[in-house]
Amino acid sequence: MLSVHPQYITDKEGNKISVVLPIKEYESLLEELEEMEDIKLYDEAITLNEPSIP
């Protein structure tokens, strides 16, 4: 499982408005998102039951 260590940027009232992540954690998040998108597209393709092209 991915572990992140965010730092928050707040406004004058203390409301969180932005997040800062170490580059490695950011890149890991992007990789996870890409993998999830691939899985989603695969699942959609399976439900369409269309012929595939090798």
N, C-alpha and C. Protein backbone atom coordinates (compact mmCIF):
# COMPACT_ATOMS: atom_id res chain seq x y z
N MET A 1 0.84 -1.18 0.00
CA MET A 1 0.00 0.00 0.00
C MET A 1 0.88 1.24 0.00
N LEU A 2 0.40 2.26 -0.68
CA LEU A 2 1.14 3.50 -0.82
C LEU A 2 1.05 4.32 0.46
N SER A 3 2.17 4.84 0.90
CA SER A 3 2.20 5.68 2.08
C SER A 3 2.59 7.10 1.67
N VAL A 4 1.78 8.07 2.06
CA VAL A 4 2.08 9.46 1.71
C VAL A 4 2.25 10.28 2.98
N HIS A 5 3.05 11.30 2.85
CA HIS A 5 3.33 12.20 3.96
C HIS A 5 3.10 13.64 3.50
N PRO A 6 1.82 14.04 3.44
CA PRO A 6 1.51 15.38 2.91
C PRO A 6 1.85 16.49 3.90
N GLN A 7 2.16 17.63 3.33
CA GLN A 7 2.27 18.86 4.10
C GLN A 7 1.20 19.78 3.53
N TYR A 8 0.51 20.50 4.40
CA TYR A 8 -0.61 21.32 3.96
C TYR A 8 -0.25 22.81 3.97
N ILE A 9 -0.76 23.49 2.98
CA ILE A 9 -0.66 24.95 2.94
C ILE A 9 -2.03 25.46 3.33
N THR A 10 -2.05 26.39 4.26
CA THR A 10 -3.33 26.90 4.77
C THR A 10 -3.47 28.39 4.47
N ASP A 11 -4.74 28.83 4.47
CA ASP A 11 -5.00 30.25 4.31
C ASP A 11 -4.92 30.93 5.68
N LYS A 12 -5.25 32.20 5.73
CA LYS A 12 -5.14 32.98 6.98
C LYS A 12 -6.03 32.44 8.08
N GLU A 13 -7.14 31.79 7.69
CA GLU A 13 -8.05 31.23 8.68
C GLU A 13 -7.68 29.81 9.12
N GLY A 14 -6.63 29.26 8.53
CA GLY A 14 -6.20 27.92 8.88
C GLY A 14 -6.84 26.82 8.05
N ASN A 15 -7.61 27.19 7.02
CA ASN A 15 -8.22 26.21 6.14
C ASN A 15 -7.18 25.66 5.17
N LYS A 16 -7.17 24.34 5.02
CA LYS A 16 -6.24 23.71 4.09
C LYS A 16 -6.63 24.07 2.66
N ILE A 17 -5.66 24.59 1.89
CA ILE A 17 -5.96 24.99 0.51
C ILE A 17 -5.08 24.28 -0.51
N SER A 18 -3.97 23.69 -0.07
CA SER A 18 -3.06 22.99 -0.99
C SER A 18 -2.32 21.91 -0.23
N VAL A 19 -1.76 20.98 -1.01
CA VAL A 19 -0.98 19.89 -0.43
C VAL A 19 0.37 19.85 -1.13
N VAL A 20 1.41 19.60 -0.36
CA VAL A 20 2.75 19.44 -0.90
C VAL A 20 3.19 18.01 -0.57
N LEU A 21 3.64 17.30 -1.61
CA LEU A 21 4.13 15.93 -1.43
C LEU A 21 5.57 15.82 -1.92
N PRO A 22 6.34 14.94 -1.31
CA PRO A 22 7.66 14.65 -1.88
C PRO A 22 7.50 14.10 -3.30
N ILE A 23 8.44 14.39 -4.17
CA ILE A 23 8.38 13.99 -5.57
C ILE A 23 8.17 12.48 -5.71
N LYS A 24 8.88 11.68 -4.95
CA LYS A 24 8.76 10.22 -5.05
C LYS A 24 7.33 9.77 -4.75
N GLU A 25 6.71 10.36 -3.73
CA GLU A 25 5.34 10.01 -3.38
C GLU A 25 4.38 10.46 -4.47
N TYR A 26 4.59 11.63 -5.03
CA TYR A 26 3.77 12.14 -6.12
C TYR A 26 3.86 11.21 -7.33
N GLU A 27 5.06 10.81 -7.69
CA GLU A 27 5.26 9.92 -8.83
C GLU A 27 4.60 8.56 -8.57
N SER A 28 4.68 8.07 -7.35
CA SER A 28 4.03 6.80 -7.00
C SER A 28 2.52 6.92 -7.13
N LEU A 29 1.97 8.05 -6.72
CA LEU A 29 0.53 8.27 -6.87
C LEU A 29 0.13 8.27 -8.33
N LEU A 30 0.92 8.91 -9.17
CA LEU A 30 0.62 8.93 -10.60
C LEU A 30 0.65 7.53 -11.19
N GLU A 31 1.63 6.74 -10.80
CA GLU A 31 1.72 5.36 -11.27
C GLU A 31 0.49 4.55 -10.84
N GLU A 32 0.07 4.73 -9.60
CA GLU A 32 -1.11 4.03 -9.10
C GLU A 32 -2.36 4.44 -9.88
N LEU A 33 -2.48 5.72 -10.16
CA LEU A 33 -3.63 6.21 -10.92
C LEU A 33 -3.65 5.64 -12.34
N GLU A 34 -2.48 5.58 -12.97
CA GLU A 34 -2.39 5.01 -14.31
C GLU A 34 -2.79 3.54 -14.30
N GLU A 35 -2.34 2.82 -13.29
CA GLU A 35 -2.68 1.41 -13.18
C GLU A 35 -4.19 1.23 -12.97
N MET A 36 -4.77 2.07 -12.13
CA MET A 36 -6.21 2.00 -11.90
C MET A 36 -6.99 2.31 -13.17
N GLU A 37 -6.52 3.26 -13.95
CA GLU A 37 -7.17 3.60 -15.21
C GLU A 37 -7.09 2.42 -16.18
N ASP A 38 -5.94 1.76 -16.24
CA ASP A 38 -5.78 0.58 -17.10
C ASP A 38 -6.77 -0.52 -16.69
N ILE A 39 -6.91 -0.73 -15.40
CA ILE A 39 -7.83 -1.75 -14.90
C ILE A 39 -9.27 -1.38 -15.27
N LYS A 40 -9.60 -0.12 -15.11
CA LYS A 40 -10.95 0.35 -15.46
C LYS A 40 -11.23 0.13 -16.95
N LEU A 41 -10.28 0.50 -17.79
CA LEU A 41 -10.46 0.32 -19.24
C LEU A 41 -10.57 -1.16 -19.60
N TYR A 42 -9.78 -2.00 -18.95
CA TYR A 42 -9.85 -3.44 -19.19
C TYR A 42 -11.24 -3.97 -18.82
N ASP A 43 -11.71 -3.57 -17.65
CA ASP A 43 -13.04 -4.01 -17.20
C ASP A 43 -14.13 -3.56 -18.17
N GLU A 44 -14.02 -2.33 -18.67
CA GLU A 44 -15.00 -1.83 -19.64
C GLU A 44 -14.94 -2.63 -20.94
N ALA A 45 -13.74 -2.95 -21.38
CA ALA A 45 -13.58 -3.71 -22.62
C ALA A 45 -14.18 -5.11 -22.47
N ILE A 46 -14.01 -5.72 -21.33
CA ILE A 46 -14.57 -7.05 -21.09
C ILE A 46 -16.10 -7.01 -21.14
N THR A 47 -16.71 -5.98 -20.56
CA THR A 47 -18.17 -5.90 -20.53
C THR A 47 -18.75 -5.62 -21.91
N LEU A 48 -17.97 -5.00 -22.81
CA LEU A 48 -18.46 -4.72 -24.16
C LEU A 48 -18.52 -5.99 -25.01
N ASN A 49 -17.71 -6.98 -24.65
CA ASN A 49 -17.68 -8.26 -25.34
C ASN A 49 -17.44 -8.11 -26.85
N GLU A 50 -16.56 -7.21 -27.21
CA GLU A 50 -16.21 -7.00 -28.61
C GLU A 50 -14.97 -7.82 -28.95
N PRO A 51 -14.81 -8.18 -30.23
CA PRO A 51 -13.61 -8.92 -30.60
C PRO A 51 -12.36 -8.07 -30.38
N SER A 52 -11.30 -8.74 -29.97
CA SER A 52 -10.05 -8.03 -29.72
C SER A 52 -9.08 -8.22 -30.87
N ILE A 53 -8.16 -7.29 -30.97
CA ILE A 53 -7.12 -7.36 -31.99
C ILE A 53 -5.79 -7.60 -31.28
N PRO A 54 -5.10 -8.69 -31.61
CA PRO A 54 -3.85 -8.98 -30.92
C PRO A 54 -2.76 -7.97 -31.25
